[in-house]
Amino acid sequence: MKRKTNSFRKKLLGWFMLFTVVIFTVLWLLQTVFLQSFYNGMIIRNTVKVADKISSESQSSDITSYIDDVSRSNSILVFVTDTDGNILYSSDEYKKGHKFRDDQPEMPYNSGNAGLLPHYRELPENYAEFLSAVKDSENGEAELQNDDIYVYGRLTDFYGSDEKAVLYVGTTLNAVGSTARIIRIQLIWVTLLSMIIAFVLALFMSKSFSKPVSQLNEKAHRLGENDASAEFSEGFCTELDELNTTLDSTSDKLKKNREFQNELLANVSHDLRTPLTMIKGYAEMIRDISREDEKQCAEDVAVIVEETDRLTALVNEILEYSELQMSDSETVMNDVDLSEAVTSVADSFEKLYSRDGYVFERNIAENIHVKGNVSRLKRAVYNLLDNAVRHAGEDKWTGISLTGGSGKAVLSISDHGSGIAPDELDHIWERYYTKRQRSGKGVSGLGLAIVKQIVSQHNGVCKAESEVGKGSVFIIRLG
């Protein structure tokens, strides 16, 4: 089945292009369709603000210079008249100040020059309408607006006039028309160039994004086929690098799981077959031969029970070791009184084996505490004691020693058995080694492997010392 390796790339390319189109659509709307309304709103707000500034400075002696400055810098037309419409002063963006005659300097309106007629520009056509609106308003303010102009004004004081004056501030609203046409032409070129650039960038980005995703996809597919050798280029982004690390970790776990399964099938199949064969054989003997011989029948049943116990122990050890190997969750660690735990396991063994002449010599220090999991630590001690009992010498002696302090502990389990050859000491902690190499004295060969796994989970170390013919010492160091 052909995989759609480019689907992510195509979707990323499509979304990027859609984003570009949306951005330029909004830009076109703002710069063309809504530009005039934005411009008019700003001009109107600015005109009202200029009127407020002029009113605040209207009693100043240099008010006329101030009006000239603001009208020129804001491109507005300003008239100051009396309530009858007679011009007291006017200014626009092109003309600064006015003369009463060519040989006279500028002067404000007052009673001393009332008879002179200064050369002001004519009042606009809508001034009469505006003046009427100001007089009729309750707050002394008025505004007029059409498609081309906006006028705002109010009654105000004016330097040199004893009565209220009328302030008229006007501006044009259609000045943006030609500017909008220029902007529209520029936007056409900008849009075309930007779309081309955006398409190239989208291709590059989609390829850059899709490549590591495709590599991880290929790696995941091969993971299920027992092959995680697919190439992956790290460094694109942290999340994908972490995903690659997770896949590698998963691959290692799957590899270990497969190795464990293969070894389980290769080594345990024989161990399972032997007791099952004996159970079947003795059951058939009871059925065919010894069922009428009470003594022989009892002996055959005892063999069946023994082999069943052996089979049960084998299965339990396999399941326990599998759980230790494959568990992804961290072991819950608490404060453990190791002295009490070792004593408890030793008491159990002594009750079970003392009737058979086994001797358990103890040297267990009190109040040895470590951080760990008490049930698993007991299991490790149990396995070491079980191993020592199975390999005990003729004197059936087993030594148990626990020393340490301040979060550290050293546990030693000794026996006077036949010992272990030097070339075997490095292998006794391996799975099934005991069962294959040491004449089947263990149950499954997993006892010491379980000990090592538990100690490793507690950040401890295992060690064995032995001399052939004199016995062995198994040592656990924790903390």
Protein backbone atom coordinates (compact mmCIF):
# COMPACT_ATOMS: atom_id res chain seq x y z
CA MET A 1 0.00 0.00 0.00
CA LYS A 2 1.43 3.32 -1.05
CA ARG A 3 1.71 5.80 1.80
CA LYS A 4 0.82 9.45 1.31
CA THR A 5 4.22 10.74 2.34
CA ASN A 6 3.47 14.25 1.04
CA SER A 7 0.12 14.79 2.76
CA PHE A 8 1.64 16.72 5.65
CA ARG A 9 3.75 18.73 3.22
CA LYS A 10 0.74 19.59 1.05
CA LYS A 11 -1.37 20.59 4.01
CA LEU A 12 1.37 22.81 5.42
CA LEU A 13 1.85 24.41 2.01
CA GLY A 14 -1.89 24.99 1.64
CA TRP A 15 -2.30 26.50 5.10
CA PHE A 16 0.69 28.78 4.61
CA MET A 17 -0.68 30.03 1.28
CA LEU A 18 -4.13 30.53 2.82
CA PHE A 19 -2.55 32.54 5.62
CA THR A 20 -0.77 34.71 3.03
CA VAL A 21 -4.00 35.29 1.10
CA VAL A 22 -5.88 36.25 4.27
CA ILE A 23 -3.13 38.70 5.31
CA PHE A 24 -3.12 40.44 1.92
CA THR A 25 -6.91 40.50 1.76
CA VAL A 26 -7.00 42.30 5.10
CA LEU A 27 -4.22 44.63 3.91
CA TRP A 28 -6.15 45.47 0.73
CA LEU A 29 -9.30 46.18 2.70
CA LEU A 30 -7.48 48.41 5.17
CA GLN A 31 -5.44 50.30 2.58
CA THR A 32 -8.13 50.78 -0.07
CA VAL A 33 -11.73 50.11 0.98
CA PHE A 34 -11.45 51.43 4.54
CA LEU A 35 -8.62 53.92 4.02
CA GLN A 36 -10.94 56.86 3.36
CA SER A 37 -13.04 56.21 6.46
CA PHE A 38 -9.92 55.77 8.62
CA TYR A 39 -8.48 58.97 7.18
CA ASN A 40 -11.70 60.94 7.74
CA GLY A 41 -11.95 59.71 11.33
CA MET A 42 -8.38 60.76 12.08
CA ILE A 43 -8.83 64.16 10.40
CA ILE A 44 -12.04 64.85 12.32
CA ARG A 45 -10.46 63.93 15.66
CA ASN A 46 -7.43 66.08 14.86
CA THR A 47 -9.62 69.05 13.87
CA VAL A 48 -11.50 68.96 17.16
CA LYS A 49 -8.20 68.68 19.04
CA VAL A 50 -6.81 71.77 17.20
CA ALA A 51 -9.94 73.72 18.11
CA ASP A 52 -9.45 72.78 21.77
CA LYS A 53 -5.82 73.99 21.64
CA ILE A 54 -6.77 77.31 20.03
CA SER A 55 -9.51 77.87 22.63
CA SER A 56 -7.06 77.15 25.45
CA GLU A 57 -4.62 79.76 24.05
CA SER A 58 -7.24 82.32 22.91
CA GLN A 59 -6.45 84.86 25.65
CA SER A 60 -2.74 84.90 24.85
CA SER A 61 -1.27 87.99 23.21
CA ASP A 62 0.40 85.90 20.53
CA ILE A 63 -2.73 83.93 19.68
CA THR A 64 -2.53 84.94 16.04
CA SER A 65 0.97 83.47 15.68
CA TYR A 66 -0.24 80.32 17.39
CA ILE A 67 -3.17 80.04 14.96
CA ASP A 68 -0.82 80.48 12.01
CA ASP A 69 1.42 77.68 13.31
CA VAL A 70 -1.32 75.14 13.94
CA SER A 71 -3.15 75.86 10.68
CA ARG A 72 0.04 75.45 8.68
CA SER A 73 1.22 72.29 10.49
CA ASN A 74 -2.22 70.61 10.35
CA SER A 75 -3.34 71.85 6.88
CA ILE A 76 -6.55 73.42 8.19
CA LEU A 77 -8.49 76.63 7.65
CA VAL A 78 -9.16 78.83 10.71
CA PHE A 79 -11.53 81.76 11.03
CA VAL A 80 -12.25 83.84 14.11
CA THR A 81 -15.31 86.08 13.78
CA ASP A 82 -17.67 87.95 16.00
CA THR A 83 -21.22 86.72 16.44
CA ASP A 84 -22.35 88.81 13.44
CA GLY A 85 -19.90 87.12 11.09
CA ASN A 86 -17.29 89.90 10.92
CA ILE A 87 -13.79 88.42 10.57
CA LEU A 88 -11.48 89.04 13.48
CA TYR A 89 -8.69 86.80 12.17
CA SER A 90 -8.09 84.01 9.66
CA SER A 91 -5.27 81.71 8.70
CA ASP A 92 -4.60 78.68 6.51
CA GLU A 93 -1.70 76.42 5.57
CA TYR A 94 -0.53 78.76 2.77
CA LYS A 95 -0.71 82.22 4.34
CA LYS A 96 0.84 83.35 7.58
CA GLY A 97 -0.69 86.53 9.05
CA HIS A 98 -2.59 89.35 7.28
CA LYS A 99 -1.88 93.05 6.73
CA PHE A 100 -4.38 95.85 7.00
CA ARG A 101 -2.46 97.72 4.26
CA ASP A 102 0.78 96.98 2.45
CA ASP A 103 2.66 99.52 4.55
CA GLN A 104 1.19 98.39 7.90
CA PRO A 105 2.43 95.57 10.08
CA GLU A 106 0.13 92.86 11.40
CA MET A 107 -2.09 93.85 14.27
CA PRO A 108 -4.93 92.18 16.12
CA TYR A 109 -8.46 93.41 15.93
CA ASN A 110 -9.34 96.11 18.47
CA SER A 111 -11.30 99.35 18.73
CA GLY A 112 -8.30 101.38 17.61
CA ASN A 113 -8.16 99.83 14.16
CA ALA A 114 -11.81 98.97 13.74
CA GLY A 115 -12.14 101.32 10.84
CA LEU A 116 -9.40 99.64 8.84
CA LEU A 117 -10.27 96.69 6.61
CA PRO A 118 -7.62 93.96 6.63
CA HIS A 119 -7.14 91.73 3.58
CA TYR A 120 -8.67 88.43 4.85
CA ARG A 121 -9.79 85.59 2.60
CA GLU A 122 -13.52 85.38 2.11
CA LEU A 123 -15.67 83.38 4.46
CA PRO A 124 -16.60 79.93 3.14
CA GLU A 125 -20.05 79.38 1.62
CA ASN A 126 -21.24 77.30 4.53
CA TYR A 127 -20.26 79.83 7.14
CA ALA A 128 -23.75 81.25 7.54
CA GLU A 129 -25.11 77.74 8.15
CA PHE A 130 -22.28 77.04 10.57
CA LEU A 131 -22.81 80.34 12.48
CA SER A 132 -26.50 79.61 12.80
CA ALA A 133 -25.74 76.14 14.13
CA VAL A 134 -23.37 77.57 16.74
CA LYS A 135 -25.92 80.11 17.93
CA ASP A 136 -28.65 77.48 18.13
CA SER A 137 -26.57 74.90 20.02
CA GLU A 138 -26.99 74.55 23.76
CA ASN A 139 -23.26 74.21 24.49
CA GLY A 140 -21.98 76.72 21.97
CA GLU A 141 -20.45 74.08 19.70
CA ALA A 142 -21.35 72.90 16.20
CA GLU A 143 -20.02 70.80 13.35
CA LEU A 144 -20.83 70.38 9.66
CA GLN A 145 -19.77 67.55 7.39
CA ASN A 146 -20.29 66.44 3.80
CA ASP A 147 -18.30 64.29 1.39
CA ASP A 148 -15.63 66.96 0.90
CA ILE A 149 -15.22 69.03 4.06
CA TYR A 150 -15.55 68.92 7.80
CA VAL A 151 -16.11 72.03 9.94
CA TYR A 152 -16.01 72.30 13.70
CA GLY A 153 -16.30 75.38 15.86
CA ARG A 154 -17.45 76.93 19.08
CA LEU A 155 -17.94 80.16 20.97
CA THR A 156 -14.69 81.25 22.61
CA ASP A 157 -12.80 84.18 24.06
CA PHE A 158 -10.34 86.00 21.82
CA TYR A 159 -7.53 88.36 22.71
CA GLY A 160 -8.46 91.98 21.95
CA SER A 161 -12.21 91.33 21.77
CA ASP A 162 -14.54 92.21 24.63
CA GLU A 163 -17.29 89.85 23.45
CA LYS A 164 -17.46 86.18 22.67
CA ALA A 165 -15.93 85.25 19.34
CA VAL A 166 -16.78 82.38 17.00
CA LEU A 167 -13.97 79.90 16.18
CA TYR A 168 -14.31 78.14 12.81
CA VAL A 169 -11.91 75.27 11.99
CA GLY A 170 -12.33 73.50 8.65
CA THR A 171 -10.50 70.78 6.73
CA THR A 172 -10.92 68.73 3.55
CA LEU A 173 -11.91 65.06 3.65
CA ASN A 174 -11.29 63.87 0.09
CA ALA A 175 -7.53 64.40 -0.03
CA VAL A 176 -6.88 60.68 0.28
CA GLY A 177 -8.42 59.80 -3.08
CA SER A 178 -5.26 60.23 -5.16
CA THR A 179 -3.18 58.69 -2.38
CA ALA A 180 -5.43 55.62 -2.38
CA ARG A 181 -4.91 55.18 -6.11
CA ILE A 182 -1.14 55.29 -5.64
CA ILE A 183 -1.35 52.85 -2.74
CA ARG A 184 -3.56 50.54 -4.81
CA ILE A 185 -0.99 50.38 -7.62
CA GLN A 186 1.80 49.75 -5.14
CA LEU A 187 -0.25 47.05 -3.44
CA ILE A 188 -0.73 45.24 -6.75
CA TRP A 189 3.03 44.96 -7.22
CA VAL A 190 3.66 44.19 -3.55
CA THR A 191 0.98 41.49 -3.57
CA LEU A 192 2.35 39.81 -6.71
CA LEU A 193 5.93 39.83 -5.43
CA SER A 194 4.87 38.74 -1.94
CA MET A 195 2.78 35.85 -3.25
CA ILE A 196 5.72 34.59 -5.28
CA ILE A 197 8.06 34.91 -2.30
CA ALA A 198 5.46 33.33 0.00
CA PHE A 199 5.03 30.39 -2.38
CA VAL A 200 8.78 29.77 -2.51
CA LEU A 201 9.06 30.08 1.29
CA ALA A 202 6.05 27.79 1.73
CA LEU A 203 7.65 25.15 -0.48
CA PHE A 204 10.90 25.39 1.46
CA MET A 205 9.18 25.34 4.87
CA SER A 206 6.84 22.49 3.99
CA LYS A 207 9.78 20.46 2.75
CA SER A 208 11.80 21.26 5.87
CA PHE A 209 8.88 20.35 8.15
CA SER A 210 7.79 17.24 6.29
CA LYS A 211 11.27 15.70 5.94
CA PRO A 212 11.86 14.89 9.64
CA VAL A 213 8.22 13.82 10.05
CA SER A 214 8.56 11.45 7.08
CA GLN A 215 11.81 10.11 8.51
CA LEU A 216 10.15 9.43 11.87
CA ASN A 217 7.21 7.83 10.07
CA GLU A 218 9.57 5.53 8.19
CA LYS A 219 11.42 4.78 11.42
CA ALA A 220 8.15 3.89 13.16
CA HIS A 221 7.20 1.55 10.30
CA ARG A 222 10.54 -0.21 10.46
CA LEU A 223 10.22 -0.45 14.24
CA GLY A 224 7.38 -2.88 13.81
CA GLU A 225 9.54 -4.87 11.38
CA ASN A 226 12.39 -5.24 13.86
CA ASP A 227 14.44 -2.59 12.07
CA ALA A 228 14.93 0.93 13.46
CA SER A 229 17.84 1.90 11.23
CA ALA A 230 15.97 4.66 9.35
CA GLU A 231 17.88 7.92 9.03
CA PHE A 232 16.78 10.92 11.11
CA SER A 233 18.43 14.35 11.10
CA GLU A 234 18.25 15.83 14.57
CA GLY A 235 18.18 19.54 15.31
CA PHE A 236 15.01 20.64 13.49
CA CYS A 237 12.96 21.09 16.66
CA THR A 238 13.04 19.82 20.23
CA GLU A 239 9.72 17.97 20.05
CA LEU A 240 10.74 15.85 17.04
CA ASP A 241 14.16 15.16 18.60
CA GLU A 242 12.40 13.96 21.75
CA LEU A 243 10.07 11.80 19.64
CA ASN A 244 13.10 10.28 17.91
CA THR A 245 14.65 9.56 21.30
CA THR A 246 11.40 7.93 22.42
CA LEU A 247 11.38 5.74 19.30
CA ASP A 248 14.98 4.73 19.95
CA SER A 249 14.10 3.88 23.54
CA THR A 250 11.08 1.92 22.35
CA SER A 251 13.25 0.10 19.84
CA ASP A 252 15.69 -0.89 22.58
CA LYS A 253 12.86 -2.14 24.77
CA LEU A 254 11.34 -4.12 21.92
CA LYS A 255 14.75 -5.57 21.12
CA LYS A 256 15.25 -6.63 24.72
CA ASN A 257 11.76 -8.04 24.79
CA ARG A 258 12.40 -10.10 21.65
CA GLU A 259 15.72 -11.30 23.00
CA PHE A 260 14.07 -12.28 26.25
CA GLN A 261 11.29 -14.10 24.43
CA ASN A 262 13.76 -15.96 22.22
CA GLU A 263 15.90 -16.93 25.18
CA LEU A 264 12.81 -17.92 27.11
CA LEU A 265 11.68 -20.20 24.30
CA ALA A 266 15.16 -21.61 23.78
CA ASN A 267 16.02 -22.33 27.40
CA VAL A 268 12.80 -22.69 29.34
CA SER A 269 11.02 -24.92 26.82
CA HIS A 270 13.29 -27.79 27.91
CA ASP A 271 12.77 -26.99 31.57
CA LEU A 272 9.02 -27.02 31.11
CA ARG A 273 9.06 -30.17 29.00
CA THR A 274 10.97 -32.24 31.57
CA PRO A 275 8.57 -31.94 34.54
CA LEU A 276 5.54 -32.19 32.24
CA THR A 277 6.94 -35.40 30.73
CA MET A 278 7.57 -36.86 34.18
CA ILE A 279 4.12 -35.86 35.41
CA LYS A 280 2.53 -37.50 32.38
CA GLY A 281 4.72 -40.60 32.66
CA TYR A 282 4.02 -41.22 36.35
CA ALA A 283 0.33 -40.50 35.85
CA GLU A 284 0.26 -43.18 33.14
CA MET A 285 2.14 -45.57 35.45
CA ILE A 286 -0.49 -45.06 38.15
CA ARG A 287 -3.23 -45.66 35.61
CA ASP A 288 -1.69 -48.74 34.00
CA ILE A 289 0.56 -50.36 36.62
CA SER A 290 0.64 -49.13 40.18
CA ARG A 291 -2.94 -48.16 40.88
CA GLU A 292 -3.52 -51.43 42.72
CA ASP A 293 -0.18 -51.24 44.57
CA GLU A 294 -0.83 -48.73 47.33
CA LYS A 295 2.83 -48.18 48.24
CA GLN A 296 4.02 -47.78 44.64
CA CYS A 297 1.06 -45.58 43.84
CA ALA A 298 1.92 -43.28 46.76
CA GLU A 299 5.52 -43.03 45.57
CA ASP A 300 4.40 -42.20 42.03
CA VAL A 301 1.98 -39.56 43.31
CA ALA A 302 4.79 -38.05 45.42
CA VAL A 303 6.92 -37.71 42.26
CA ILE A 304 4.03 -36.04 40.46
CA VAL A 305 3.55 -33.58 43.35
CA GLU A 306 7.30 -32.85 43.46
CA GLU A 307 7.47 -32.21 39.73
CA THR A 308 4.33 -30.07 39.91
CA ASP A 309 5.92 -27.96 42.66
CA ARG A 310 9.05 -27.66 40.57
CA LEU A 311 7.02 -26.61 37.55
CA THR A 312 5.09 -24.05 39.60
CA ALA A 313 8.30 -22.58 41.02
CA LEU A 314 9.80 -22.40 37.54
CA VAL A 315 6.78 -20.56 36.12
CA ASN A 316 6.69 -18.17 39.10
CA GLU A 317 10.36 -17.29 38.70
CA ILE A 318 9.95 -16.71 34.97
CA LEU A 319 6.94 -14.44 35.55
CA GLU A 320 8.72 -12.54 38.33
CA TYR A 321 11.83 -11.97 36.24
CA SER A 322 9.69 -10.91 33.26
CA GLU A 323 7.94 -8.36 35.45
CA LEU A 324 11.25 -6.95 36.66
CA GLN A 325 12.65 -6.77 33.13
CA MET A 326 9.65 -5.29 31.33
CA SER A 327 8.24 -2.92 33.95
CA ASP A 328 8.25 0.69 32.67
CA SER A 329 7.20 2.25 35.97
CA GLU A 330 9.72 3.20 38.61
CA THR A 331 9.86 1.12 41.78
CA VAL A 332 8.20 2.82 44.76
CA MET A 333 10.96 3.56 47.26
CA ASN A 334 10.42 4.07 50.97
CA ASP A 335 12.48 3.88 54.14
CA VAL A 336 13.17 0.19 54.80
CA ASP A 337 14.42 -1.36 58.02
CA LEU A 338 16.75 -3.82 56.29
CA SER A 339 17.72 -5.43 59.60
CA GLU A 340 14.11 -6.40 60.22
CA ALA A 341 13.63 -7.58 56.62
CA VAL A 342 16.73 -9.84 56.67
CA THR A 343 15.81 -11.21 60.09
CA SER A 344 12.30 -12.03 58.88
CA VAL A 345 13.58 -13.99 55.87
CA ALA A 346 16.20 -15.78 57.99
CA ASP A 347 13.53 -16.79 60.52
CA SER A 348 11.44 -18.33 57.74
CA PHE A 349 14.36 -20.40 56.43
CA GLU A 350 15.39 -21.50 59.90
CA LYS A 351 11.88 -22.76 60.69
CA LEU A 352 11.74 -24.60 57.36
CA TYR A 353 15.22 -26.19 57.29
CA SER A 354 16.37 -26.50 60.92
CA ARG A 355 14.57 -29.86 61.23
CA ASP A 356 16.83 -31.15 58.43
CA GLY A 357 19.96 -30.17 60.32
CA TYR A 358 20.71 -26.86 58.61
CA VAL A 359 22.52 -24.23 60.69
CA PHE A 360 21.98 -20.50 60.15
CA GLU A 361 24.65 -18.37 61.81
CA ARG A 362 23.55 -14.74 62.05
CA ASN A 363 25.45 -11.50 62.47
CA ILE A 364 22.73 -8.94 61.71
CA ALA A 365 23.31 -5.40 62.96
CA GLU A 366 20.25 -3.54 64.23
CA ASN A 367 18.64 -0.41 62.78
CA ILE A 368 20.19 -0.64 59.32
CA HIS A 369 17.91 1.51 57.18
CA VAL A 370 18.01 2.02 53.42
CA LYS A 371 15.70 3.58 50.85
CA GLY A 372 14.04 0.87 48.81
CA ASN A 373 11.13 -1.47 48.17
CA VAL A 374 10.77 -3.83 51.08
CA SER A 375 9.04 -6.68 49.22
CA ARG A 376 11.67 -6.79 46.48
CA LEU A 377 14.56 -6.53 48.90
CA LYS A 378 13.10 -9.48 50.84
CA ARG A 379 12.86 -11.39 47.57
CA ALA A 380 16.56 -10.75 46.89
CA VAL A 381 17.50 -11.98 50.37
CA TYR A 382 15.23 -15.02 49.95
CA ASN A 383 16.88 -15.97 46.64
CA LEU A 384 20.39 -15.67 48.10
CA LEU A 385 19.48 -17.79 51.13
CA ASP A 386 17.74 -20.33 48.91
CA ASN A 387 20.84 -20.49 46.72
CA ALA A 388 23.07 -20.94 49.80
CA VAL A 389 20.88 -23.76 51.17
CA ARG A 390 20.82 -25.57 47.84
CA HIS A 391 24.61 -25.39 47.57
CA ALA A 392 25.43 -25.87 51.27
CA GLY A 393 28.25 -28.27 52.17
CA GLU A 394 28.07 -31.39 54.26
CA ASP A 395 27.92 -29.31 57.44
CA LYS A 396 24.77 -27.62 56.13
CA TRP A 397 26.06 -24.29 57.40
CA THR A 398 24.84 -20.91 56.10
CA GLY A 399 26.15 -17.55 57.29
CA ILE A 400 24.08 -14.33 57.27
CA SER A 401 25.80 -10.99 57.90
CA LEU A 402 24.44 -7.43 57.69
CA THR A 403 26.49 -4.35 58.50
CA GLY A 404 26.42 -0.66 57.59
CA GLY A 405 24.85 2.62 58.61
CA SER A 406 23.90 6.13 57.36
CA GLY A 407 21.85 4.80 54.48
CA LYS A 408 24.45 2.20 53.45
CA ALA A 409 24.29 -1.54 53.94
CA VAL A 410 26.38 -4.61 53.15
CA LEU A 411 24.66 -8.01 53.15
CA SER A 412 26.72 -11.23 52.94
CA ILE A 413 25.33 -14.74 52.52
CA SER A 414 27.93 -17.54 52.89
CA ASP A 415 28.00 -21.31 52.50
CA HIS A 416 30.57 -24.14 52.87
CA GLY A 417 29.62 -25.82 49.62
CA SER A 418 31.71 -27.00 46.69
CA GLY A 419 32.39 -23.43 45.54
CA ILE A 420 32.41 -21.88 42.10
CA ALA A 421 35.22 -22.06 39.56
CA PRO A 422 36.93 -18.70 38.86
CA ASP A 423 35.87 -18.71 35.21
CA GLU A 424 32.22 -19.06 36.28
CA LEU A 425 32.11 -16.19 38.77
CA ASP A 426 31.50 -13.57 36.05
CA HIS A 427 28.56 -15.55 34.63
CA ILE A 428 26.58 -16.72 37.65
CA TRP A 429 24.38 -13.59 37.57
CA GLU A 430 23.27 -14.33 34.00
CA ARG A 431 19.85 -15.74 33.19
CA TYR A 432 19.65 -19.54 33.13
CA TYR A 433 23.40 -19.93 33.66
CA THR A 434 23.00 -21.95 36.85
CA LYS A 435 20.48 -24.27 35.28
CA ARG A 436 22.63 -24.96 32.24
CA GLN A 437 26.07 -25.14 33.84
CA ARG A 438 25.69 -26.22 37.48
CA SER A 439 23.93 -29.58 37.25
CA GLY A 440 20.43 -28.34 37.79
CA LYS A 441 20.62 -27.57 41.52
CA GLY A 442 18.53 -24.47 40.99
CA VAL A 443 14.92 -24.28 39.93
CA SER A 444 15.19 -22.21 36.76
CA GLY A 445 18.56 -20.50 36.79
CA LEU A 446 16.82 -17.16 37.32
CA GLY A 447 17.34 -16.78 41.08
CA LEU A 448 20.60 -14.83 40.97
CA ALA A 449 19.48 -12.92 37.85
CA ILE A 450 16.44 -11.74 39.82
CA VAL A 451 18.73 -10.68 42.69
CA LYS A 452 20.91 -8.66 40.32
CA GLN A 453 17.87 -7.00 38.72
CA ILE A 454 16.44 -5.99 42.11
CA VAL A 455 19.78 -4.68 43.40
CA SER A 456 20.27 -2.68 40.18
CA GLN A 457 16.86 -1.05 40.70
CA HIS A 458 18.14 0.05 44.13
CA ASN A 459 21.38 1.44 42.64
CA GLY A 460 23.37 -1.26 44.41
CA VAL A 461 26.00 -3.76 43.30
CA CYS A 462 26.28 -7.54 43.50
CA LYS A 463 29.47 -9.49 44.02
CA ALA A 464 30.45 -13.11 44.56
CA GLU A 465 33.61 -14.56 46.06
CA SER A 466 34.33 -18.28 46.00
CA GLU A 467 37.02 -20.91 46.37
CA VAL A 468 36.50 -24.37 44.94
CA GLY A 469 35.97 -26.91 47.72
CA LYS A 470 35.58 -24.30 50.46
CA GLY A 471 32.38 -22.43 49.70
CA SER A 472 31.08 -19.10 48.42
CA VAL A 473 30.13 -15.66 49.67
CA PHE A 474 27.47 -13.54 47.92
CA ILE A 475 27.63 -9.85 48.73
CA ILE A 476 25.09 -7.03 48.16
CA ARG A 477 26.04 -3.39 48.68
CA LEU A 478 23.26 -0.80 48.94
CA GLY A 479 23.42 2.96 49.31
